[in-house]
Amino acid sequence: MNSRSRGMPLAEAVTLGLVATGAVSIAIAALTGAVGRAIEIFSSPVAVSMPVHDAEVPALAGAAGVASAEFTESTVSFETLDAGVRWLLLGETVLPALATIMVCMTLWWLGFSLIRQRAFRRSMVPVLATASLSLIVAGMIAPLLGGIARAEAVKALPESASDMFWTFLVRLDASPIGWGIALALIAAAFEVGRRMQRDTEGLV
């Protein structure tokens, strides 16, 4: 005979509701930021953050207590920039934004499922797996697209100025990849939990 499950305590339901609402808010902010950046990229002039090397800070040259001071990044506003470079810059912006939206939507769906006390529903595993894949792809591909875009942008600079910029540099942040792998493990755990729940229900 199936026992009737009790409802979730109000405090837990409110907490999960706040988490789900916060996730949706972050997703909207990520989407808004990506759209704003896309408008900037396809406008003129377009500002591009360019990594530099061996660029000293004249104001601190010879200052007491300062061993050395260098710029590591400079914002260059291009009046004209190839469409291909703009699309690469857009990809660098959009991929992390999409990954953020996917993770936030996953948190929303998980919170909603927990409120309904149906965490191990069949749709949870593919949702978690999609969020995991989006994080890994964004962490690996977005920096590569940005590196290629900036390498092409350097070619558009005068030769006298291009020497201070890296001809090709990929700044890889491993944290999204690590979070993506962690989500993949969580997806596997949910799949095991779903099977155990199905087997348990079959015994009742």
N, C-alpha and C. Protein backbone atom coordinates (compact mmCIF):
# COMPACT_ATOMS: atom_id res chain seq x y z
N MET A 1 0.86 -1.20 0.00
CA MET A 1 0.00 0.00 0.00
C MET A 1 0.89 1.24 0.00
N ASN A 2 0.64 2.18 -0.88
CA ASN A 2 1.43 3.40 -0.97
C ASN A 2 1.08 4.34 0.17
N SER A 3 2.12 4.85 0.81
CA SER A 3 1.91 5.83 1.88
C SER A 3 1.87 7.21 1.29
N ARG A 4 1.07 8.05 1.82
CA ARG A 4 0.90 9.41 1.30
C ARG A 4 1.99 10.32 1.87
N SER A 5 2.76 10.96 1.00
CA SER A 5 3.86 11.80 1.45
C SER A 5 3.35 13.11 2.00
N ARG A 6 4.04 13.54 3.04
CA ARG A 6 3.67 14.82 3.64
C ARG A 6 4.25 15.96 2.83
N GLY A 7 3.62 17.12 2.94
CA GLY A 7 4.08 18.28 2.22
C GLY A 7 5.38 18.83 2.79
N MET A 8 6.09 19.59 1.98
CA MET A 8 7.35 20.19 2.42
C MET A 8 7.09 21.30 3.41
N PRO A 9 7.95 21.43 4.45
CA PRO A 9 7.80 22.53 5.40
C PRO A 9 7.84 23.88 4.69
N LEU A 10 7.10 24.84 5.24
CA LEU A 10 6.98 26.15 4.60
C LEU A 10 8.32 26.84 4.45
N ALA A 11 9.18 26.76 5.48
CA ALA A 11 10.47 27.44 5.43
C ALA A 11 11.33 26.90 4.28
N GLU A 12 11.34 25.59 4.10
CA GLU A 12 12.11 25.00 3.01
C GLU A 12 11.54 25.41 1.66
N ALA A 13 10.23 25.41 1.55
CA ALA A 13 9.60 25.80 0.28
C ALA A 13 9.92 27.25 -0.07
N VAL A 14 9.89 28.13 0.94
CA VAL A 14 10.21 29.54 0.70
C VAL A 14 11.67 29.70 0.28
N THR A 15 12.57 28.97 0.95
CA THR A 15 14.00 29.05 0.61
C THR A 15 14.25 28.59 -0.81
N LEU A 16 13.66 27.45 -1.18
CA LEU A 16 13.82 26.95 -2.54
C LEU A 16 13.20 27.91 -3.56
N GLY A 17 12.08 28.53 -3.20
CA GLY A 17 11.47 29.51 -4.09
C GLY A 17 12.37 30.72 -4.31
N LEU A 18 13.03 31.17 -3.25
CA LEU A 18 13.95 32.30 -3.38
C LEU A 18 15.16 31.93 -4.24
N VAL A 19 15.66 30.72 -4.07
CA VAL A 19 16.79 30.26 -4.89
C VAL A 19 16.39 30.21 -6.36
N ALA A 20 15.22 29.66 -6.63
CA ALA A 20 14.74 29.58 -8.02
C ALA A 20 14.54 30.96 -8.62
N THR A 21 13.98 31.88 -7.83
CA THR A 21 13.79 33.25 -8.31
C THR A 21 15.11 33.94 -8.57
N GLY A 22 16.07 33.74 -7.68
CA GLY A 22 17.40 34.32 -7.88
C GLY A 22 18.07 33.79 -9.14
N ALA A 23 17.90 32.48 -9.39
CA ALA A 23 18.48 31.88 -10.59
C ALA A 23 17.90 32.51 -11.85
N VAL A 24 16.59 32.71 -11.86
CA VAL A 24 15.95 33.34 -13.02
C VAL A 24 16.45 34.78 -13.19
N SER A 25 16.62 35.50 -12.10
CA SER A 25 17.11 36.88 -12.16
C SER A 25 18.52 36.95 -12.74
N ILE A 26 19.38 36.01 -12.31
CA ILE A 26 20.74 35.98 -12.84
C ILE A 26 20.74 35.65 -14.33
N ALA A 27 19.87 34.72 -14.73
CA ALA A 27 19.77 34.37 -16.15
C ALA A 27 19.34 35.57 -16.99
N ILE A 28 18.38 36.33 -16.48
CA ILE A 28 17.92 37.52 -17.20
C ILE A 28 19.05 38.55 -17.29
N ALA A 29 19.81 38.72 -16.20
CA ALA A 29 20.93 39.66 -16.21
C ALA A 29 22.00 39.23 -17.21
N ALA A 30 22.28 37.92 -17.27
CA ALA A 30 23.27 37.42 -18.23
C ALA A 30 22.81 37.65 -19.66
N LEU A 31 21.53 37.41 -19.93
CA LEU A 31 20.99 37.64 -21.27
C LEU A 31 21.04 39.12 -21.63
N THR A 32 20.68 39.97 -20.70
CA THR A 32 20.71 41.42 -20.95
C THR A 32 22.12 41.90 -21.23
N GLY A 33 23.08 41.40 -20.43
CA GLY A 33 24.47 41.78 -20.64
C GLY A 33 24.99 41.33 -22.00
N ALA A 34 24.63 40.11 -22.40
CA ALA A 34 25.08 39.60 -23.70
C ALA A 34 24.50 40.41 -24.85
N VAL A 35 23.22 40.77 -24.74
CA VAL A 35 22.59 41.58 -25.79
C VAL A 35 23.24 42.96 -25.86
N GLY A 36 23.51 43.55 -24.70
CA GLY A 36 24.17 44.86 -24.68
C GLY A 36 25.54 44.81 -25.30
N ARG A 37 26.31 43.77 -24.97
CA ARG A 37 27.64 43.63 -25.55
C ARG A 37 27.56 43.39 -27.06
N ALA A 38 26.57 42.62 -27.50
CA ALA A 38 26.41 42.37 -28.93
C ALA A 38 26.15 43.68 -29.68
N ILE A 39 25.33 44.54 -29.08
CA ILE A 39 25.07 45.85 -29.71
C ILE A 39 26.35 46.66 -29.81
N GLU A 40 27.18 46.61 -28.76
CA GLU A 40 28.45 47.33 -28.78
C GLU A 40 29.39 46.77 -29.85
N ILE A 41 29.42 45.44 -29.96
CA ILE A 41 30.35 44.81 -30.90
C ILE A 41 30.02 45.19 -32.34
N PHE A 42 28.74 45.28 -32.67
CA PHE A 42 28.36 45.58 -34.05
C PHE A 42 28.08 47.07 -34.26
N SER A 43 28.50 47.89 -33.30
CA SER A 43 28.43 49.34 -33.46
C SER A 43 29.81 49.86 -33.88
N SER A 44 29.91 51.15 -34.09
CA SER A 44 31.18 51.77 -34.42
C SER A 44 31.34 53.07 -33.64
N PRO A 45 32.44 53.25 -32.94
CA PRO A 45 33.57 52.33 -32.80
C PRO A 45 33.26 51.20 -31.83
N VAL A 46 34.05 50.11 -31.92
CA VAL A 46 33.88 48.97 -31.04
C VAL A 46 35.12 48.88 -30.14
N ALA A 47 34.88 48.82 -28.84
CA ALA A 47 35.96 48.75 -27.86
C ALA A 47 36.37 47.29 -27.67
N VAL A 48 37.68 47.02 -27.77
CA VAL A 48 38.21 45.67 -27.63
C VAL A 48 39.30 45.69 -26.57
N SER A 49 39.18 44.81 -25.57
CA SER A 49 40.22 44.68 -24.55
C SER A 49 41.36 43.88 -25.13
N MET A 50 42.56 44.48 -25.19
CA MET A 50 43.71 43.85 -25.82
C MET A 50 44.80 43.62 -24.79
N PRO A 51 45.28 42.38 -24.63
CA PRO A 51 46.39 42.13 -23.71
C PRO A 51 47.70 42.69 -24.26
N VAL A 52 48.46 43.35 -23.43
CA VAL A 52 49.71 43.98 -23.84
C VAL A 52 50.87 43.36 -23.06
N HIS A 53 52.10 43.61 -23.54
CA HIS A 53 53.29 43.14 -22.84
C HIS A 53 54.38 44.21 -22.94
N ASP A 54 55.22 44.25 -21.95
CA ASP A 54 56.34 45.20 -21.89
C ASP A 54 55.88 46.64 -22.03
N ALA A 55 54.72 46.96 -21.45
CA ALA A 55 54.22 48.34 -21.49
C ALA A 55 54.34 48.93 -20.09
N GLU A 56 55.35 49.74 -19.88
CA GLU A 56 55.62 50.30 -18.57
C GLU A 56 54.67 51.46 -18.26
N VAL A 57 54.52 51.73 -16.96
CA VAL A 57 53.72 52.84 -16.48
C VAL A 57 54.65 54.02 -16.21
N PRO A 58 54.69 55.04 -17.09
CA PRO A 58 55.66 56.13 -16.93
C PRO A 58 55.53 56.86 -15.59
N ALA A 59 54.30 56.99 -15.10
CA ALA A 59 54.10 57.75 -13.86
C ALA A 59 54.78 57.09 -12.66
N LEU A 60 55.03 55.77 -12.75
CA LEU A 60 55.65 55.07 -11.63
C LEU A 60 57.11 54.72 -11.89
N ALA A 61 57.65 55.17 -13.00
CA ALA A 61 59.05 54.89 -13.30
C ALA A 61 59.95 55.58 -12.28
N GLY A 62 60.76 54.79 -11.60
CA GLY A 62 61.69 55.34 -10.62
C GLY A 62 61.05 55.76 -9.32
N ALA A 63 59.77 55.43 -9.11
CA ALA A 63 59.11 55.83 -7.87
C ALA A 63 59.68 55.03 -6.71
N ALA A 64 59.76 55.66 -5.56
CA ALA A 64 60.32 55.01 -4.38
C ALA A 64 59.44 53.83 -3.96
N GLY A 65 60.09 52.71 -3.71
CA GLY A 65 59.38 51.53 -3.26
C GLY A 65 58.70 50.73 -4.35
N VAL A 66 58.82 51.12 -5.61
CA VAL A 66 58.21 50.41 -6.74
C VAL A 66 59.30 49.78 -7.57
N ALA A 67 59.30 48.44 -7.63
CA ALA A 67 60.32 47.75 -8.41
C ALA A 67 60.03 47.85 -9.91
N SER A 68 58.77 47.67 -10.28
CA SER A 68 58.39 47.77 -11.69
C SER A 68 56.87 47.91 -11.77
N ALA A 69 56.41 48.47 -12.88
CA ALA A 69 54.98 48.64 -13.11
C ALA A 69 54.72 48.56 -14.60
N GLU A 70 53.80 47.69 -14.99
CA GLU A 70 53.49 47.50 -16.40
C GLU A 70 51.98 47.38 -16.60
N PHE A 71 51.52 47.83 -17.79
CA PHE A 71 50.15 47.58 -18.19
C PHE A 71 50.02 46.14 -18.65
N THR A 72 48.92 45.49 -18.33
CA THR A 72 48.67 44.14 -18.83
C THR A 72 47.52 44.10 -19.83
N GLU A 73 46.75 45.18 -19.91
CA GLU A 73 45.60 45.21 -20.82
C GLU A 73 45.30 46.65 -21.21
N SER A 74 44.86 46.81 -22.44
CA SER A 74 44.49 48.13 -22.94
C SER A 74 43.21 48.01 -23.76
N THR A 75 42.34 48.98 -23.63
CA THR A 75 41.11 49.01 -24.41
C THR A 75 41.32 49.85 -25.66
N VAL A 76 41.18 49.21 -26.81
CA VAL A 76 41.38 49.88 -28.09
C VAL A 76 40.02 49.99 -28.79
N SER A 77 39.65 51.18 -29.18
CA SER A 77 38.38 51.41 -29.89
C SER A 77 38.67 51.49 -31.39
N PHE A 78 38.13 50.55 -32.14
CA PHE A 78 38.35 50.46 -33.58
C PHE A 78 37.18 51.13 -34.32
N GLU A 79 37.51 52.03 -35.21
CA GLU A 79 36.48 52.64 -36.05
C GLU A 79 35.96 51.63 -37.06
N THR A 80 36.86 50.81 -37.60
CA THR A 80 36.47 49.77 -38.55
C THR A 80 37.08 48.45 -38.09
N LEU A 81 36.29 47.41 -38.20
CA LEU A 81 36.74 46.08 -37.80
C LEU A 81 36.00 45.07 -38.65
N ASP A 82 36.72 44.06 -39.14
CA ASP A 82 36.11 43.07 -40.02
C ASP A 82 34.93 42.38 -39.35
N ALA A 83 33.95 42.01 -40.16
CA ALA A 83 32.77 41.34 -39.64
C ALA A 83 33.13 40.02 -38.97
N GLY A 84 34.12 39.31 -39.53
CA GLY A 84 34.53 38.05 -38.94
C GLY A 84 35.06 38.21 -37.53
N VAL A 85 35.83 39.28 -37.31
CA VAL A 85 36.37 39.55 -35.98
C VAL A 85 35.23 39.87 -35.01
N ARG A 86 34.26 40.62 -35.48
CA ARG A 86 33.11 40.96 -34.63
C ARG A 86 32.32 39.71 -34.23
N TRP A 87 32.16 38.78 -35.17
CA TRP A 87 31.44 37.55 -34.84
C TRP A 87 32.23 36.70 -33.84
N LEU A 88 33.55 36.70 -33.97
CA LEU A 88 34.37 35.97 -33.00
C LEU A 88 34.23 36.59 -31.60
N LEU A 89 34.24 37.91 -31.54
CA LEU A 89 34.05 38.59 -30.26
C LEU A 89 32.67 38.30 -29.69
N LEU A 90 31.68 38.23 -30.58
CA LEU A 90 30.33 37.90 -30.12
C LEU A 90 30.28 36.49 -29.55
N GLY A 91 30.94 35.55 -30.22
CA GLY A 91 30.99 34.18 -29.71
C GLY A 91 31.65 34.11 -28.34
N GLU A 92 32.70 34.90 -28.16
CA GLU A 92 33.38 34.93 -26.86
C GLU A 92 32.44 35.42 -25.76
N THR A 93 31.53 36.31 -26.10
CA THR A 93 30.57 36.85 -25.13
C THR A 93 29.37 35.95 -24.93
N VAL A 94 28.85 35.41 -26.03
CA VAL A 94 27.59 34.67 -25.98
C VAL A 94 27.74 33.32 -25.31
N LEU A 95 28.83 32.61 -25.57
CA LEU A 95 28.98 31.26 -25.02
C LEU A 95 28.94 31.25 -23.48
N PRO A 96 29.71 32.10 -22.80
CA PRO A 96 29.59 32.11 -21.33
C PRO A 96 28.22 32.55 -20.85
N ALA A 97 27.58 33.48 -21.58
CA ALA A 97 26.24 33.91 -21.19
C ALA A 97 25.25 32.77 -21.31
N LEU A 98 25.34 32.01 -22.40
CA LEU A 98 24.44 30.86 -22.57
C LEU A 98 24.68 29.80 -21.50
N ALA A 99 25.95 29.59 -21.15
CA ALA A 99 26.26 28.63 -20.09
C ALA A 99 25.67 29.08 -18.76
N THR A 100 25.77 30.38 -18.48
CA THR A 100 25.19 30.91 -17.25
C THR A 100 23.68 30.73 -17.24
N ILE A 101 23.05 31.01 -18.37
CA ILE A 101 21.59 30.84 -18.46
C ILE A 101 21.19 29.38 -18.27
N MET A 102 21.96 28.47 -18.87
CA MET A 102 21.64 27.05 -18.73
C MET A 102 21.76 26.59 -17.28
N VAL A 103 22.82 27.03 -16.60
CA VAL A 103 23.01 26.64 -15.20
C VAL A 103 21.89 27.22 -14.34
N CYS A 104 21.53 28.47 -14.59
CA CYS A 104 20.45 29.10 -13.81
C CYS A 104 19.11 28.42 -14.06
N MET A 105 18.83 28.06 -15.28
CA MET A 105 17.59 27.36 -15.57
C MET A 105 17.58 25.96 -14.93
N THR A 106 18.76 25.34 -14.86
CA THR A 106 18.86 24.05 -14.19
C THR A 106 18.57 24.20 -12.70
N LEU A 107 19.11 25.25 -12.08
CA LEU A 107 18.83 25.51 -10.67
C LEU A 107 17.34 25.78 -10.45
N TRP A 108 16.74 26.54 -11.38
CA TRP A 108 15.31 26.81 -11.25
C TRP A 108 14.51 25.51 -11.34
N TRP A 109 14.84 24.65 -12.29
CA TRP A 109 14.11 23.40 -12.47
C TRP A 109 14.31 22.47 -11.27
N LEU A 110 15.53 22.47 -10.73
CA LEU A 110 15.80 21.65 -9.55
C LEU A 110 15.02 22.16 -8.34
N GLY A 111 15.02 23.49 -8.16
CA GLY A 111 14.25 24.06 -7.06
C GLY A 111 12.77 23.76 -7.19
N PHE A 112 12.25 23.90 -8.39
CA PHE A 112 10.83 23.61 -8.64
C PHE A 112 10.53 22.13 -8.37
N SER A 113 11.43 21.25 -8.77
CA SER A 113 11.22 19.82 -8.57
C SER A 113 11.29 19.46 -7.09
N LEU A 114 12.21 20.12 -6.36
CA LEU A 114 12.31 19.84 -4.93
C LEU A 114 11.06 20.32 -4.18
N ILE A 115 10.54 21.47 -4.60
CA ILE A 115 9.31 21.97 -3.97
C ILE A 115 8.18 20.96 -4.17
N ARG A 116 8.13 20.37 -5.34
CA ARG A 116 7.09 19.37 -5.62
C ARG A 116 7.49 17.97 -5.14
N GLN A 117 8.68 17.88 -4.49
CA GLN A 117 9.20 16.63 -3.97
C GLN A 117 9.31 15.56 -5.06
N ARG A 118 9.82 16.02 -6.20
CA ARG A 118 10.05 15.11 -7.33
C ARG A 118 11.41 15.40 -7.93
N ALA A 119 12.45 15.34 -7.08
CA ALA A 119 13.80 15.69 -7.53
C ALA A 119 14.34 14.72 -8.56
N PHE A 120 13.97 13.42 -8.44
CA PHE A 120 14.54 12.41 -9.33
C PHE A 120 13.65 12.13 -10.53
N ARG A 121 13.08 13.19 -11.08
CA ARG A 121 12.27 13.01 -12.29
C ARG A 121 13.18 12.76 -13.48
N ARG A 122 12.62 12.16 -14.52
CA ARG A 122 13.41 11.73 -15.66
C ARG A 122 14.10 12.89 -16.37
N SER A 123 13.49 14.05 -16.39
CA SER A 123 14.05 15.19 -17.14
C SER A 123 15.25 15.82 -16.44
N MET A 124 15.50 15.48 -15.17
CA MET A 124 16.56 16.16 -14.43
C MET A 124 17.95 15.81 -14.98
N VAL A 125 18.16 14.57 -15.36
CA VAL A 125 19.47 14.15 -15.84
C VAL A 125 19.86 14.85 -17.14
N PRO A 126 19.02 14.86 -18.19
CA PRO A 126 19.41 15.60 -19.40
C PRO A 126 19.58 17.10 -19.17
N VAL A 127 18.80 17.67 -18.26
CA VAL A 127 18.95 19.10 -17.97
C VAL A 127 20.32 19.36 -17.34
N LEU A 128 20.70 18.54 -16.37
CA LEU A 128 22.02 18.69 -15.73
C LEU A 128 23.13 18.42 -16.73
N ALA A 129 22.96 17.43 -17.59
CA ALA A 129 23.99 17.11 -18.58
C ALA A 129 24.17 18.25 -19.58
N THR A 130 23.08 18.87 -19.98
CA THR A 130 23.16 20.00 -20.91
C THR A 130 23.89 21.18 -20.27
N ALA A 131 23.57 21.47 -19.02
CA ALA A 131 24.26 22.55 -18.31
C ALA A 131 25.75 22.24 -18.18
N SER A 132 26.07 20.99 -17.89
CA SER A 132 27.47 20.58 -17.77
C SER A 132 28.21 20.78 -19.09
N LEU A 133 27.60 20.33 -20.18
CA LEU A 133 28.24 20.46 -21.50
C LEU A 133 28.41 21.93 -21.88
N SER A 134 27.42 22.76 -21.57
CA SER A 134 27.51 24.18 -21.92
C SER A 134 28.65 24.86 -21.17
N LEU A 135 28.88 24.49 -19.91
CA LEU A 135 29.98 25.06 -19.15
C LEU A 135 31.33 24.64 -19.73
N ILE A 136 31.46 23.37 -20.06
CA ILE A 136 32.73 22.89 -20.61
C ILE A 136 33.02 23.53 -21.96
N VAL A 137 32.01 23.60 -22.82
CA VAL A 137 32.21 24.22 -24.14
C VAL A 137 32.55 25.69 -24.01
N ALA A 138 31.83 26.41 -23.14
CA ALA A 138 32.11 27.83 -22.95
C ALA A 138 33.50 28.04 -22.39
N GLY A 139 33.92 27.20 -21.44
CA GLY A 139 35.24 27.36 -20.85
C GLY A 139 36.37 27.09 -21.82
N MET A 140 36.13 26.21 -22.80
CA MET A 140 37.19 25.87 -23.75
C MET A 140 37.15 26.70 -25.02
N ILE A 141 35.96 26.93 -25.56
CA ILE A 141 35.84 27.55 -26.88
C ILE A 141 35.86 29.08 -26.80
N ALA A 142 35.18 29.66 -25.80
CA ALA A 142 35.10 31.13 -25.73
C ALA A 142 36.47 31.80 -25.66
N PRO A 143 37.42 31.34 -24.82
CA PRO A 143 38.76 31.97 -24.82
C PRO A 143 39.48 31.82 -26.16
N LEU A 144 39.27 30.69 -26.82
CA LEU A 144 39.90 30.49 -28.13
C LEU A 144 39.36 31.48 -29.15
N LEU A 145 38.05 31.68 -29.17
CA LEU A 145 37.46 32.65 -30.09
C LEU A 145 37.98 34.06 -29.80
N GLY A 146 38.09 34.40 -28.51
CA GLY A 146 38.62 35.71 -28.15
C GLY A 146 40.06 35.88 -28.56
N GLY A 147 40.86 34.83 -28.40
CA GLY A 147 42.26 34.91 -28.80
C GLY A 147 42.43 35.11 -30.30
N ILE A 148 41.62 34.39 -31.08
CA ILE A 148 41.68 34.55 -32.55
C ILE A 148 41.22 35.94 -32.94
N ALA A 149 40.15 36.44 -32.32
CA ALA A 149 39.64 37.77 -32.65
C ALA A 149 40.68 38.85 -32.37
N ARG A 150 41.35 38.77 -31.23
CA ARG A 150 42.35 39.77 -30.88
C ARG A 150 43.60 39.67 -31.75
N ALA A 151 43.93 38.44 -32.17
CA ALA A 151 45.05 38.28 -33.09
C ALA A 151 44.76 38.96 -34.43
N GLU A 152 43.53 38.85 -34.88
CA GLU A 152 43.15 39.53 -36.12
C GLU A 152 43.09 41.03 -35.92
N ALA A 153 42.66 41.47 -34.73
CA ALA A 153 42.60 42.91 -34.46
C ALA A 153 43.99 43.53 -34.41
N VAL A 154 44.97 42.77 -33.92
CA VAL A 154 46.34 43.29 -33.88
C VAL A 154 46.85 43.59 -35.28
N LYS A 155 46.44 42.77 -36.26
CA LYS A 155 46.87 42.99 -37.64
C LYS A 155 46.36 44.31 -38.20
N ALA A 156 45.25 44.82 -37.62
CA ALA A 156 44.67 46.07 -38.10
C ALA A 156 45.36 47.29 -37.49
N LEU A 157 46.25 47.08 -36.53
CA LEU A 157 46.94 48.20 -35.89
C LEU A 157 48.18 48.60 -36.67
N PRO A 158 48.63 49.84 -36.55
CA PRO A 158 49.90 50.23 -37.16
C PRO A 158 51.05 49.40 -36.61
N GLU A 159 52.03 49.15 -37.44
CA GLU A 159 53.14 48.29 -37.03
C GLU A 159 53.87 48.84 -35.82
N SER A 160 53.94 50.15 -35.71
CA SER A 160 54.63 50.77 -34.57
C SER A 160 53.93 50.50 -33.25
N ALA A 161 52.62 50.28 -33.30
CA ALA A 161 51.85 50.05 -32.08
C ALA A 161 51.58 48.58 -31.83
N SER A 162 51.62 47.77 -32.89
CA SER A 162 51.27 46.36 -32.74
C SER A 162 52.30 45.58 -31.95
N ASP A 163 53.53 46.10 -31.86
CA ASP A 163 54.58 45.36 -31.16
C ASP A 163 54.29 45.19 -29.67
N MET A 164 53.50 46.08 -29.08
CA MET A 164 53.24 46.00 -27.64
C MET A 164 52.10 45.03 -27.31
N PHE A 165 51.40 44.54 -28.34
CA PHE A 165 50.28 43.63 -28.11
C PHE A 165 50.70 42.20 -28.45
N TRP A 166 50.11 41.24 -27.74
CA TRP A 166 50.36 39.84 -28.04
C TRP A 166 49.76 39.51 -29.40
N THR A 167 50.54 38.83 -30.25
CA THR A 167 50.01 38.45 -31.55
C THR A 167 48.95 37.36 -31.43
N PHE A 168 49.11 36.48 -30.44
CA PHE A 168 48.08 35.47 -30.18
C PHE A 168 48.21 35.02 -28.73
N LEU A 169 47.12 35.15 -27.98
CA LEU A 169 47.12 34.79 -26.58
C LEU A 169 45.74 34.28 -26.20
N VAL A 170 45.70 33.08 -25.63
CA VAL A 170 44.45 32.48 -25.15
C VAL A 170 44.53 32.42 -23.63
N ARG A 171 43.65 33.16 -22.98
CA ARG A 171 43.62 33.17 -21.51
C ARG A 171 42.53 32.21 -21.05
N LEU A 172 42.95 31.01 -20.71
CA LEU A 172 42.01 29.94 -20.36
C LEU A 172 41.73 29.95 -18.87
N ASP A 173 40.44 29.99 -18.53
CA ASP A 173 40.00 29.89 -17.14
C ASP A 173 39.43 28.49 -16.94
N ALA A 174 40.10 27.70 -16.09
CA ALA A 174 39.70 26.30 -15.93
C ALA A 174 38.48 26.12 -15.03
N SER A 175 38.04 27.19 -14.33
CA SER A 175 36.94 27.01 -13.38
C SER A 175 35.63 26.58 -14.05
N PRO A 176 35.22 27.17 -15.20
CA PRO A 176 33.97 26.67 -15.82
C PRO A 176 34.07 25.20 -16.22
N ILE A 177 35.24 24.77 -16.67
CA ILE A 177 35.42 23.37 -17.05
C ILE A 177 35.28 22.48 -15.82
N GLY A 178 35.88 22.91 -14.71
CA GLY A 178 35.76 22.14 -13.47
C GLY A 178 34.33 22.05 -12.99
N TRP A 179 33.59 23.18 -13.05
CA TRP A 179 32.18 23.16 -12.65
C TRP A 179 31.36 22.28 -13.58
N GLY A 180 31.72 22.28 -14.87
CA GLY A 180 31.01 21.43 -15.82
C GLY A 180 31.21 19.95 -15.51
N ILE A 181 32.44 19.57 -15.16
CA ILE A 181 32.70 18.19 -14.79
C ILE A 181 31.95 17.82 -13.50
N ALA A 182 31.91 18.77 -12.55
CA ALA A 182 31.18 18.52 -11.31
C ALA A 182 29.69 18.31 -11.59
N LEU A 183 29.13 19.12 -12.49
CA LEU A 183 27.71 18.94 -12.84
C LEU A 183 27.46 17.60 -13.53
N ALA A 184 28.45 17.15 -14.32
CA ALA A 184 28.30 15.85 -14.97
C ALA A 184 28.24 14.73 -13.92
N LEU A 185 29.05 14.85 -12.87
CA LEU A 185 29.00 13.86 -11.80
C LEU A 185 27.67 13.91 -11.06
N ILE A 186 27.16 15.14 -10.85
CA ILE A 186 25.85 15.28 -10.20
C ILE A 186 24.75 14.67 -11.06
N ALA A 187 24.86 14.85 -12.38
CA ALA A 187 23.88 14.24 -13.28
C ALA A 187 23.92 12.72 -13.16
N ALA A 188 25.13 12.17 -13.06
CA ALA A 188 25.25 10.72 -12.90
C ALA A 188 24.63 10.28 -11.58
N ALA A 189 24.85 11.07 -10.51
CA ALA A 189 24.26 10.73 -9.21
C ALA A 189 22.73 10.77 -9.26
N PHE A 190 22.18 11.75 -9.98
CA PHE A 190 20.73 11.83 -10.11
C PHE A 190 20.18 10.64 -10.90
N GLU A 191 20.93 10.18 -11.88
CA GLU A 191 20.49 9.02 -12.65
C GLU A 191 20.46 7.77 -11.76
N VAL A 192 21.48 7.62 -10.92
CA VAL A 192 21.49 6.49 -9.98
C VAL A 192 20.32 6.61 -9.01
N GLY A 193 20.10 7.84 -8.49
CA GLY A 193 18.98 8.04 -7.58
C GLY A 193 17.64 7.76 -8.22
N ARG A 194 17.50 8.15 -9.50
CA ARG A 194 16.23 7.90 -10.19
C ARG A 194 15.97 6.40 -10.35
N ARG A 195 17.02 5.64 -10.66
CA ARG A 195 16.86 4.20 -10.80
C ARG A 195 16.51 3.54 -9.46
N MET A 196 17.18 4.01 -8.40
CA MET A 196 16.89 3.45 -7.08
C MET A 196 15.45 3.76 -6.66
N GLN A 197 15.00 5.00 -6.98
CA GLN A 197 13.63 5.36 -6.64
C GLN A 197 12.63 4.51 -7.42
N ARG A 198 12.92 4.27 -8.69
CA ARG A 198 12.03 3.45 -9.51
C ARG A 198 11.97 2.02 -8.99
N ASP A 199 13.14 1.49 -8.62
CA ASP A 199 13.16 0.12 -8.10
C ASP A 199 12.43 0.03 -6.76
N THR A 200 12.59 1.08 -5.91
CA THR A 200 11.92 1.08 -4.62
C THR A 200 10.40 1.15 -4.78
N GLU A 201 9.95 2.01 -5.71
CA GLU A 201 8.52 2.11 -5.95
C GLU A 201 7.94 0.81 -6.49
N GLY A 202 8.76 0.07 -7.22
CA GLY A 202 8.28 -1.20 -7.74
C GLY A 202 8.12 -2.26 -6.67
N LEU A 203 8.83 -2.07 -5.54
CA LEU A 203 8.73 -3.04 -4.45
C LEU A 203 7.59 -2.74 -3.50
N VAL A 204 7.06 -1.48 -3.56
CA VAL A 204 6.01 -1.09 -2.61
C VAL A 204 4.66 -1.66 -3.07
